[in-house]
Amino acid sequence: MVSSYTILIILIFQWNQMIDWKVGLTIAIGQSTGGYLMAHFSSRMKNLEKFVYYLFIGVVSLTLCKMVIYEYFKLF
């Protein structure tokens, strides 16, 4: 289902020259590699759920701090 409209959206954005293929492909390769490695190693690691939970909380907390600091000081 998702791929049916994803292809249409890609065609529309490409028609308007709004796609940076270099950045997009880099991100796609990184996500694919990360997903494969995580699926491969997740079955071998004990307590992975706890690690991923703390990693998620840490990333969300750092992102929130960055957003508050940048908004407060109007950086960039």
Protein backbone atom coordinates (compact mmCIF):
# COMPACT_ATOMS: atom_id res chain seq x y z
CA MET A 1 0.00 0.00 0.00
CA VAL A 2 2.67 2.48 1.01
CA SER A 3 4.78 1.81 -2.07
CA SER A 4 1.86 2.64 -4.35
CA TYR A 5 1.76 6.29 -3.31
CA THR A 6 5.47 6.53 -2.51
CA ILE A 7 6.33 6.02 -6.17
CA LEU A 8 3.79 8.67 -7.16
CA ILE A 9 5.18 11.15 -4.63
CA ILE A 10 8.76 10.51 -5.79
CA LEU A 11 7.71 11.16 -9.39
CA ILE A 12 5.95 14.40 -8.44
CA PHE A 13 8.88 15.68 -6.39
CA GLN A 14 11.38 14.67 -9.07
CA TRP A 15 9.28 16.40 -11.73
CA ASN A 16 9.61 19.62 -9.70
CA GLN A 17 13.33 18.94 -9.11
CA MET A 18 12.90 18.87 -5.34
CA ILE A 19 14.86 15.68 -4.60
CA ASP A 20 18.49 15.73 -3.52
CA TRP A 21 19.41 12.22 -4.61
CA LYS A 22 22.87 12.29 -3.04
CA VAL A 23 21.50 12.98 0.44
CA GLY A 24 18.47 10.73 -0.02
CA LEU A 25 20.49 7.74 -1.15
CA THR A 26 23.00 8.26 1.66
CA ILE A 27 20.19 8.22 4.21
CA ALA A 28 18.57 5.18 2.56
CA ILE A 29 21.83 3.23 2.61
CA GLY A 30 22.43 4.16 6.25
CA GLN A 31 18.94 3.15 7.33
CA SER A 32 19.10 -0.12 5.40
CA THR A 33 22.49 -1.00 6.82
CA GLY A 34 21.44 -0.08 10.36
CA GLY A 35 18.22 -2.06 10.08
CA TYR A 36 20.02 -5.12 8.77
CA LEU A 37 22.73 -4.99 11.45
CA MET A 38 20.20 -4.45 14.23
CA ALA A 39 18.07 -7.37 13.04
CA HIS A 40 21.15 -9.56 12.73
CA PHE A 41 22.63 -8.79 16.16
CA SER A 42 19.41 -8.34 18.15
CA SER A 43 18.80 -12.05 18.41
CA ARG A 44 22.23 -12.56 19.99
CA MET A 45 22.15 -9.86 22.67
CA LYS A 46 20.59 -10.27 26.10
CA ASN A 47 18.67 -7.35 27.63
CA LEU A 48 18.55 -5.57 24.29
CA GLU A 49 15.10 -4.13 25.04
CA LYS A 50 16.47 -2.30 28.07
CA PHE A 51 19.43 -0.92 26.09
CA VAL A 52 17.20 0.28 23.25
CA TYR A 53 14.79 1.86 25.72
CA TYR A 54 17.56 3.86 27.42
CA LEU A 55 19.07 4.79 24.05
CA PHE A 56 15.68 6.07 22.89
CA ILE A 57 15.15 8.09 26.08
CA GLY A 58 18.63 9.56 25.73
CA VAL A 59 18.19 10.57 22.10
CA VAL A 60 14.77 12.11 22.75
CA SER A 61 16.12 14.00 25.78
CA LEU A 62 19.10 15.37 23.86
CA THR A 63 16.88 16.40 20.96
CA LEU A 64 14.50 18.17 23.32
CA CYS A 65 17.38 19.99 25.04
CA LYS A 66 18.77 21.07 21.68
CA MET A 67 15.38 22.35 20.56
CA VAL A 68 14.86 24.32 23.78
CA ILE A 69 18.37 25.81 23.72
CA TYR A 70 18.20 26.79 20.05
CA GLU A 71 14.75 28.29 20.46
CA TYR A 72 15.66 30.12 23.67
CA PHE A 73 18.84 31.65 22.30
CA LYS A 74 17.49 31.96 18.73
CA LEU A 75 20.55 30.31 17.28
CA PHE A 76 20.42 29.79 13.55
